[in-house]
Amino acid sequence: MEHIRAIITKPDNIPIVGLILLLFFFTWLTFKQAFENDKRMEQKRRQKGE
């Protein structure tokens, strides 16, 4: 674990680690919104009687 922490905390690697964290966050956010949108579309179909 010490080796990983030493590599991650080097000044050159900090922006890369931040980008990886942002990638995971925005991927999660995208899927969350997609599932909510799918639920809304299914509710509209049920209301129309399809």
C-alpha atoms as a PDB file:
ATOM      1  CA  MET A   1       0.000   0.000   0.000  1.00  0.00           C
ATOM      2  CA  GLU A   2       2.891   2.359   0.676  1.00  0.00           C
ATOM      3  CA  HIS A   3       4.109   2.054  -2.901  1.00  0.00           C
ATOM      4  CA  ILE A   4       0.688   2.857  -4.335  1.00  0.00           C
ATOM      5  CA  ARG A   5       0.317   5.888  -2.071  1.00  0.00           C
ATOM      6  CA  ALA A   6       3.803   7.081  -3.027  1.00  0.00           C
ATOM      7  CA  ILE A   7       2.952   6.861  -6.738  1.00  0.00           C
ATOM      8  CA  ILE A   8      -0.480   8.463  -6.412  1.00  0.00           C
ATOM      9  CA  THR A   9       0.701  11.411  -4.336  1.00  0.00           C
ATOM     10  CA  LYS A  10       3.497  12.448  -6.688  1.00  0.00           C
ATOM     11  CA  PRO A  11       2.692  15.903  -8.089  1.00  0.00           C
ATOM     12  CA  ASP A  12       2.663  14.659 -11.688  1.00  0.00           C
ATOM     13  CA  ASN A  13       0.056  11.989 -10.947  1.00  0.00           C
ATOM     14  CA  ILE A  14      -2.430  13.990  -8.871  1.00  0.00           C
ATOM     15  CA  PRO A  15      -4.329  15.378 -11.917  1.00  0.00           C
ATOM     16  CA  ILE A  16      -4.612  11.854 -13.351  1.00  0.00           C
ATOM     17  CA  VAL A  17      -6.060  10.527 -10.099  1.00  0.00           C
ATOM     18  CA  GLY A  18      -8.523  13.429 -10.065  1.00  0.00           C
ATOM     19  CA  LEU A  19      -9.604  12.674 -13.622  1.00  0.00           C
ATOM     20  CA  ILE A  20     -10.183   9.026 -12.756  1.00  0.00           C
ATOM     21  CA  LEU A  21     -12.371  10.055  -9.807  1.00  0.00           C
ATOM     22  CA  LEU A  22     -14.321  12.447 -12.036  1.00  0.00           C
ATOM     23  CA  LEU A  23     -14.768   9.697 -14.612  1.00  0.00           C
ATOM     24  CA  PHE A  24     -16.367   7.415 -12.017  1.00  0.00           C
ATOM     25  CA  PHE A  25     -18.573  10.220 -10.684  1.00  0.00           C
ATOM     26  CA  PHE A  26     -19.914  11.305 -14.072  1.00  0.00           C
ATOM     27  CA  THR A  27     -20.432   7.695 -15.167  1.00  0.00           C
ATOM     28  CA  TRP A  28     -22.509   7.089 -12.033  1.00  0.00           C
ATOM     29  CA  LEU A  29     -24.447  10.328 -12.582  1.00  0.00           C
ATOM     30  CA  THR A  30     -25.175   9.440 -16.210  1.00  0.00           C
ATOM     31  CA  PHE A  31     -26.533   6.012 -15.343  1.00  0.00           C
ATOM     32  CA  LYS A  32     -28.612   7.428 -12.481  1.00  0.00           C
ATOM     33  CA  GLN A  33     -30.258   9.946 -14.805  1.00  0.00           C
ATOM     34  CA  ALA A  34     -30.772   7.322 -17.501  1.00  0.00           C
ATOM     35  CA  PHE A  35     -32.605   4.999 -15.095  1.00  0.00           C
ATOM     36  CA  GLU A  36     -34.799   7.860 -13.862  1.00  0.00           C
ATOM     37  CA  ASN A  37     -35.622   8.769 -17.457  1.00  0.00           C
ATOM     38  CA  ASP A  38     -36.521   5.149 -18.259  1.00  0.00           C
ATOM     39  CA  LYS A  39     -38.888   5.075 -15.280  1.00  0.00           C
ATOM     40  CA  ARG A  40     -40.611   8.257 -16.486  1.00  0.00           C
ATOM     41  CA  MET A  41     -40.992   6.888 -19.995  1.00  0.00           C
ATOM     42  CA  GLU A  42     -42.517   3.662 -18.647  1.00  0.00           C
ATOM     43  CA  GLN A  43     -44.997   5.661 -16.547  1.00  0.00           C
ATOM     44  CA  LYS A  44     -46.061   7.678 -19.613  1.00  0.00           C
ATOM     45  CA  ARG A  45     -46.621   4.469 -21.584  1.00  0.00           C
ATOM     46  CA  ARG A  46     -48.807   3.054 -18.821  1.00  0.00           C
ATOM     47  CA  GLN A  47     -50.858   6.270 -18.681  1.00  0.00           C
ATOM     48  CA  LYS A  48     -51.464   6.179 -22.427  1.00  0.00           C
ATOM     49  CA  GLY A  49     -52.577   2.566 -22.199  1.00  0.00           C
ATOM     50  CA  GLU A  50     -49.920   1.027 -24.375  1.00  0.00           C
END
